[in-house]
């Protein structure tokens, strides 16, 4: 129990530090909190399609069935501490290099590819990365893109709930 608490504390402190270091203009993320978890949708200015943590955890843990490509579009330190198993690190989508890496990774994929994006650096309404990554993929023609809804941060909304985790590269 103590190690879970310490892990949550470290992830939370790191996430707060990372979010505070991002310029305010990059942290802007408009969203209306009109979620319908049964449909995994949220209404925003860019109509993000969401997947809830418990739903993605079931998919990740399932031994059968198609798995989506899971891309972490946040900060590297968070990916190293804990990430979803088989998730690929892309880099912060709030900067040009992160978006370039995203385009490079998905460039040869069919536009029907199932993709799940997540960041987890900070509370949902302050995330500097999700909107940019989602918008980039949609602009490229990808139609089966979902965003993992992380209300507060990856530590609290994924790790502490006991969902599957990998560490390091």
Foldseek 3Di string as FASTA:
>chain_A
DVVLVVLLVVLLVQLVVVLVVDDQVLQADFFDAPDDQVQQWGDGPVGARAHEQVRLLCLLPDPDDDHAAEEAQEDPVNQQSKDRPNHHYQYALSDPSSLVSLCVVCVPPPLAGAYEYEHFSAAPRRRSGDVSSVVSSVVVNRDRYHYYHDGGGCSVRAVSVPRDIDHHD
